[in-house]
């Protein structure tokens, strides 16, 4: 099926997608996703790398997990977070490369 022949998006899928993009659109959550990349990290490490508290980090990680963007696994008393799958990681990387400030400049390059 070509792009022109794609099925219309259902109302339910539109809401799920919009909610996920809204969750990703928060500045700290976006920094979390960019910091994680393909890695897996604990709350404390993410908090240190992004300059926020562990409590604040936990709240934002819960938001991203609830929107099915991140998954977590528990090992003893430690919880590790990572991007859910390769497709989401590719989307995050594409958004980062297209939307970062350097790529938003439409002026002609010399």
N, C-alpha and C. Protein backbone atom coordinates (compact mmCIF):
# COMPACT_ATOMS: atom_id res chain seq x y z
N UNK A 1 0.85 -1.18 0.00
CA UNK A 1 0.00 0.00 0.00
C UNK A 1 0.89 1.24 0.00
N UNK A 2 0.70 2.12 -0.95
CA UNK A 2 1.51 3.34 -1.02
C UNK A 2 1.00 4.35 0.00
N UNK A 3 1.79 5.42 0.19
CA UNK A 3 1.39 6.44 1.16
C UNK A 3 0.07 7.09 0.78
N UNK A 4 -0.20 7.22 -0.51
CA UNK A 4 -1.45 7.85 -0.94
C UNK A 4 -2.65 6.97 -0.62
N UNK A 5 -2.45 5.66 -0.49
CA UNK A 5 -3.56 4.73 -0.29
C UNK A 5 -3.71 4.29 1.17
N UNK A 6 -3.05 4.94 2.10
CA UNK A 6 -3.13 4.53 3.49
C UNK A 6 -4.53 4.66 4.02
N UNK A 7 -4.86 3.75 4.93
CA UNK A 7 -6.16 3.77 5.59
C UNK A 7 -6.26 5.04 6.45
N UNK A 8 -7.46 5.58 6.59
CA UNK A 8 -7.61 6.73 7.49
C UNK A 8 -7.31 6.30 8.93
N UNK A 9 -6.84 7.24 9.73
CA UNK A 9 -6.53 6.96 11.13
C UNK A 9 -7.84 6.95 11.92
N UNK A 10 -8.01 5.92 12.72
CA UNK A 10 -9.23 5.84 13.53
C UNK A 10 -9.19 6.91 14.62
N UNK A 11 -10.34 7.32 15.11
CA UNK A 11 -10.36 8.30 16.20
C UNK A 11 -9.58 7.82 17.43
N UNK A 12 -9.67 6.53 17.72
CA UNK A 12 -8.95 5.98 18.87
C UNK A 12 -7.44 6.09 18.68
N UNK A 13 -6.95 5.72 17.47
CA UNK A 13 -5.52 5.82 17.19
C UNK A 13 -5.05 7.27 17.20
N UNK A 14 -5.90 8.17 16.73
CA UNK A 14 -5.53 9.59 16.73
C UNK A 14 -5.33 10.08 18.16
N UNK A 15 -6.20 9.68 19.07
CA UNK A 15 -6.08 10.09 20.47
C UNK A 15 -4.83 9.48 21.10
N UNK A 16 -4.58 8.19 20.87
CA UNK A 16 -3.40 7.54 21.43
C UNK A 16 -2.12 8.20 20.93
N UNK A 17 -2.07 8.49 19.65
CA UNK A 17 -0.88 9.12 19.06
C UNK A 17 -0.69 10.53 19.61
N UNK A 18 -1.75 11.30 19.65
CA UNK A 18 -1.66 12.67 20.17
C UNK A 18 -1.22 12.67 21.63
N UNK A 19 -1.76 11.76 22.43
CA UNK A 19 -1.37 11.68 23.84
C UNK A 19 0.11 11.33 23.99
N UNK A 20 0.60 10.40 23.18
CA UNK A 20 2.01 10.01 23.24
C UNK A 20 2.90 11.18 22.83
N UNK A 21 2.52 11.88 21.76
CA UNK A 21 3.31 13.03 21.32
C UNK A 21 3.30 14.15 22.35
N UNK A 22 2.16 14.35 23.02
CA UNK A 22 2.10 15.36 24.08
C UNK A 22 3.05 14.99 25.21
N UNK A 23 3.06 13.72 25.58
CA UNK A 23 3.95 13.27 26.65
C UNK A 23 5.41 13.47 26.25
N UNK A 24 5.74 13.17 25.01
CA UNK A 24 7.11 13.34 24.53
C UNK A 24 7.46 14.82 24.38
N UNK A 25 6.46 15.67 24.21
CA UNK A 25 6.68 17.09 23.96
C UNK A 25 7.07 17.91 25.17
N UNK A 26 6.93 17.37 26.35
CA UNK A 26 7.34 18.09 27.55
C UNK A 26 8.87 18.20 27.55
N UNK A 27 9.42 19.39 27.81
CA UNK A 27 10.88 19.57 27.69
C UNK A 27 11.71 18.57 28.51
N UNK A 28 11.33 18.31 29.75
CA UNK A 28 12.12 17.36 30.54
C UNK A 28 11.95 15.94 30.01
N UNK A 29 10.74 15.59 29.63
CA UNK A 29 10.53 14.23 29.10
C UNK A 29 11.30 14.04 27.80
N UNK A 30 11.36 15.08 26.99
CA UNK A 30 12.13 15.00 25.75
C UNK A 30 13.61 14.79 26.08
N UNK A 31 14.11 15.52 27.08
CA UNK A 31 15.51 15.34 27.49
C UNK A 31 15.74 13.93 28.03
N UNK A 32 14.76 13.38 28.74
CA UNK A 32 14.87 12.01 29.23
C UNK A 32 15.03 11.05 28.05
N UNK A 33 14.18 11.20 27.05
CA UNK A 33 14.22 10.30 25.89
C UNK A 33 15.54 10.44 25.14
N UNK A 34 16.02 11.66 24.98
CA UNK A 34 17.29 11.88 24.28
C UNK A 34 18.46 11.37 25.12
N UNK A 35 18.37 11.48 26.42
CA UNK A 35 19.42 10.97 27.30
C UNK A 35 19.46 9.46 27.27
N UNK A 36 18.30 8.84 27.31
CA UNK A 36 18.23 7.37 27.26
C UNK A 36 18.78 6.83 25.94
N UNK A 37 18.30 7.39 24.84
CA UNK A 37 18.68 6.83 23.54
C UNK A 37 18.42 5.33 23.56
N UNK A 38 19.39 4.54 23.13
CA UNK A 38 19.25 3.09 23.09
C UNK A 38 19.68 2.43 24.41
N UNK A 39 20.05 3.26 25.40
CA UNK A 39 20.53 2.72 26.67
C UNK A 39 19.39 2.44 27.64
N UNK A 40 19.76 1.81 28.72
CA UNK A 40 18.86 1.53 29.83
C UNK A 40 19.47 2.18 31.06
N UNK A 41 18.67 2.94 31.80
CA UNK A 41 19.20 3.66 32.96
C UNK A 41 18.23 3.62 34.12
N UNK A 42 18.81 3.85 35.31
CA UNK A 42 18.02 3.94 36.53
C UNK A 42 17.59 5.39 36.74
N UNK A 43 16.60 5.57 37.61
CA UNK A 43 16.05 6.89 37.91
C UNK A 43 17.16 7.86 38.34
N UNK A 44 18.00 7.44 39.27
CA UNK A 44 19.04 8.32 39.80
C UNK A 44 20.00 8.79 38.74
N UNK A 45 20.40 7.90 37.85
CA UNK A 45 21.32 8.27 36.77
C UNK A 45 20.67 9.27 35.83
N UNK A 46 19.40 9.03 35.48
CA UNK A 46 18.69 9.97 34.61
C UNK A 46 18.52 11.32 35.29
N UNK A 47 18.20 11.32 36.58
CA UNK A 47 18.03 12.57 37.32
C UNK A 47 19.33 13.37 37.31
N UNK A 48 20.44 12.71 37.55
CA UNK A 48 21.74 13.38 37.55
C UNK A 48 22.06 13.95 36.18
N UNK A 49 21.84 13.16 35.15
CA UNK A 49 22.19 13.60 33.79
C UNK A 49 21.31 14.74 33.29
N UNK A 50 20.08 14.81 33.78
CA UNK A 50 19.16 15.86 33.31
C UNK A 50 19.05 17.03 34.29
N UNK A 51 19.66 16.89 35.47
CA UNK A 51 19.66 17.98 36.44
C UNK A 51 18.35 18.18 37.18
N UNK A 52 17.66 17.10 37.48
CA UNK A 52 16.41 17.21 38.24
C UNK A 52 16.48 16.28 39.44
N UNK A 53 15.46 16.31 40.27
CA UNK A 53 15.42 15.44 41.44
C UNK A 53 14.92 14.05 41.06
N UNK A 54 15.23 13.07 41.90
CA UNK A 54 14.75 11.72 41.64
C UNK A 54 13.22 11.65 41.71
N UNK A 55 12.64 12.40 42.62
CA UNK A 55 11.18 12.43 42.75
C UNK A 55 10.53 12.97 41.48
N UNK A 56 11.04 14.09 40.98
CA UNK A 56 10.52 14.67 39.75
C UNK A 56 10.74 13.72 38.58
N UNK A 57 11.92 13.11 38.53
CA UNK A 57 12.22 12.17 37.45
C UNK A 57 11.24 11.01 37.46
N UNK A 58 10.97 10.46 38.63
CA UNK A 58 10.05 9.33 38.73
C UNK A 58 8.67 9.67 38.19
N UNK A 59 8.20 10.87 38.48
CA UNK A 59 6.88 11.29 37.98
C UNK A 59 6.87 11.34 36.45
N UNK A 60 7.93 11.88 35.87
CA UNK A 60 7.99 11.98 34.41
C UNK A 60 8.18 10.61 33.75
N UNK A 61 8.96 9.76 34.38
CA UNK A 61 9.13 8.40 33.85
C UNK A 61 7.80 7.65 33.87
N UNK A 62 7.01 7.85 34.94
CA UNK A 62 5.69 7.23 35.01
C UNK A 62 4.80 7.69 33.86
N UNK A 63 4.86 8.98 33.55
CA UNK A 63 4.07 9.52 32.43
C UNK A 63 4.46 8.82 31.12
N UNK A 64 5.77 8.72 30.89
CA UNK A 64 6.24 8.10 29.64
C UNK A 64 5.93 6.60 29.61
N UNK A 65 5.97 5.96 30.75
CA UNK A 65 5.63 4.53 30.79
C UNK A 65 4.12 4.34 30.58
N UNK A 66 3.31 5.21 31.19
CA UNK A 66 1.86 5.11 31.04
C UNK A 66 1.41 5.34 29.59
N UNK A 67 2.18 6.11 28.85
CA UNK A 67 1.86 6.36 27.43
C UNK A 67 2.52 5.33 26.53
N UNK A 68 3.11 4.30 27.12
CA UNK A 68 3.72 3.17 26.41
C UNK A 68 4.93 3.58 25.56
N UNK A 69 5.65 4.60 26.02
CA UNK A 69 6.85 5.05 25.33
C UNK A 69 8.08 4.38 25.94
N UNK A 70 8.05 4.23 27.26
CA UNK A 70 9.13 3.55 27.97
C UNK A 70 8.62 2.26 28.59
N UNK A 71 9.55 1.35 28.81
CA UNK A 71 9.26 0.16 29.62
C UNK A 71 10.29 0.12 30.74
N UNK A 72 9.96 -0.62 31.79
CA UNK A 72 10.87 -0.72 32.91
C UNK A 72 11.03 -2.18 33.30
N UNK A 73 12.14 -2.45 33.97
CA UNK A 73 12.35 -3.77 34.54
C UNK A 73 12.98 -3.59 35.91
N UNK A 74 12.63 -4.48 36.79
CA UNK A 74 13.12 -4.39 38.16
C UNK A 74 14.20 -5.45 38.36
N UNK A 75 15.29 -5.03 38.99
CA UNK A 75 16.38 -5.94 39.34
C UNK A 75 16.73 -5.66 40.79
N UNK A 76 16.29 -6.52 41.68
CA UNK A 76 16.45 -6.25 43.12
C UNK A 76 15.61 -5.04 43.48
N UNK A 77 16.25 -4.03 44.08
CA UNK A 77 15.50 -2.81 44.42
C UNK A 77 15.74 -1.70 43.40
N UNK A 78 16.33 -2.04 42.27
CA UNK A 78 16.60 -1.06 41.21
C UNK A 78 15.61 -1.23 40.07
N UNK A 79 15.19 -0.09 39.52
CA UNK A 79 14.30 -0.12 38.35
C UNK A 79 15.03 0.55 37.20
N UNK A 80 15.09 -0.15 36.09
CA UNK A 80 15.75 0.33 34.88
C UNK A 80 14.70 0.69 33.84
N UNK A 81 14.94 1.80 33.13
CA UNK A 81 14.02 2.27 32.11
C UNK A 81 14.72 2.29 30.76
N UNK A 82 13.93 2.03 29.71
CA UNK A 82 14.44 2.14 28.35
C UNK A 82 13.28 2.42 27.41
N UNK A 83 13.62 2.91 26.21
CA UNK A 83 12.61 3.15 25.18
C UNK A 83 12.01 1.80 24.79
N UNK A 84 10.70 1.77 24.63
CA UNK A 84 9.96 0.52 24.45
C UNK A 84 10.47 -0.36 23.31
N UNK A 85 10.72 0.22 22.15
CA UNK A 85 11.13 -0.62 21.02
C UNK A 85 11.94 0.18 20.00
N UNK A 86 12.46 -0.52 19.03
CA UNK A 86 13.32 0.08 18.01
C UNK A 86 12.58 1.13 17.18
N UNK A 87 11.30 0.89 16.90
CA UNK A 87 10.52 1.85 16.10
C UNK A 87 10.40 3.19 16.82
N UNK A 88 10.13 3.16 18.12
CA UNK A 88 10.05 4.41 18.90
C UNK A 88 11.41 5.08 18.98
N UNK A 89 12.45 4.30 19.14
CA UNK A 89 13.80 4.86 19.19
C UNK A 89 14.14 5.55 17.87
N UNK A 90 13.75 4.93 16.77
CA UNK A 90 13.98 5.54 15.46
C UNK A 90 13.18 6.84 15.31
N UNK A 91 11.93 6.83 15.77
CA UNK A 91 11.10 8.05 15.73
C UNK A 91 11.75 9.17 16.55
N UNK A 92 12.21 8.85 17.75
CA UNK A 92 12.85 9.85 18.61
C UNK A 92 14.09 10.40 17.92
N UNK A 93 14.91 9.51 17.37
CA UNK A 93 16.13 9.96 16.67
C UNK A 93 15.79 10.83 15.46
N UNK A 94 14.75 10.45 14.70
CA UNK A 94 14.34 11.25 13.54
C UNK A 94 13.82 12.62 13.98
N UNK A 95 13.00 12.64 15.02
CA UNK A 95 12.48 13.91 15.51
C UNK A 95 13.62 14.80 15.98
N UNK A 96 14.58 14.20 16.65
CA UNK A 96 15.71 14.97 17.15
C UNK A 96 16.53 15.55 16.01
N UNK A 97 16.78 14.75 14.98
CA UNK A 97 17.60 15.25 13.88
C UNK A 97 16.86 16.27 13.02
N UNK A 98 15.55 16.15 12.91
CA UNK A 98 14.77 17.08 12.10
C UNK A 98 14.45 18.35 12.87
N UNK A 99 14.16 18.24 14.16
CA UNK A 99 13.64 19.38 14.91
C UNK A 99 14.65 20.10 15.78
N UNK A 100 15.87 19.59 15.86
CA UNK A 100 16.85 20.33 16.67
C UNK A 100 17.11 21.69 16.03
N UNK A 101 17.54 22.63 16.83
CA UNK A 101 17.65 24.02 16.39
C UNK A 101 18.46 24.18 15.10
N UNK A 102 19.56 23.46 14.99
CA UNK A 102 20.43 23.60 13.80
C UNK A 102 19.70 23.21 12.52
N UNK A 103 18.75 22.29 12.62
CA UNK A 103 18.05 21.82 11.42
C UNK A 103 16.78 22.62 11.14
N UNK A 104 16.41 23.53 12.01
CA UNK A 104 15.21 24.35 11.79
C UNK A 104 15.51 25.60 11.00
N UNK A 105 16.78 25.88 10.77
CA UNK A 105 17.18 27.07 10.02
C UNK A 105 17.01 26.78 8.53
N UNK A 106 16.07 27.45 7.89
CA UNK A 106 15.80 27.24 6.46
C UNK A 106 16.61 28.16 5.57
N UNK A 107 17.48 28.99 6.15
CA UNK A 107 18.24 29.90 5.31
C UNK A 107 19.22 29.12 4.44
N UNK A 108 19.50 29.65 3.25
CA UNK A 108 20.41 28.94 2.32
C UNK A 108 21.79 28.79 2.95
N UNK A 109 22.36 27.63 2.74
CA UNK A 109 23.71 27.35 3.24
C UNK A 109 24.71 27.71 2.17
N UNK A 110 25.80 28.28 2.58
CA UNK A 110 26.83 28.64 1.59
C UNK A 110 27.90 27.59 1.54
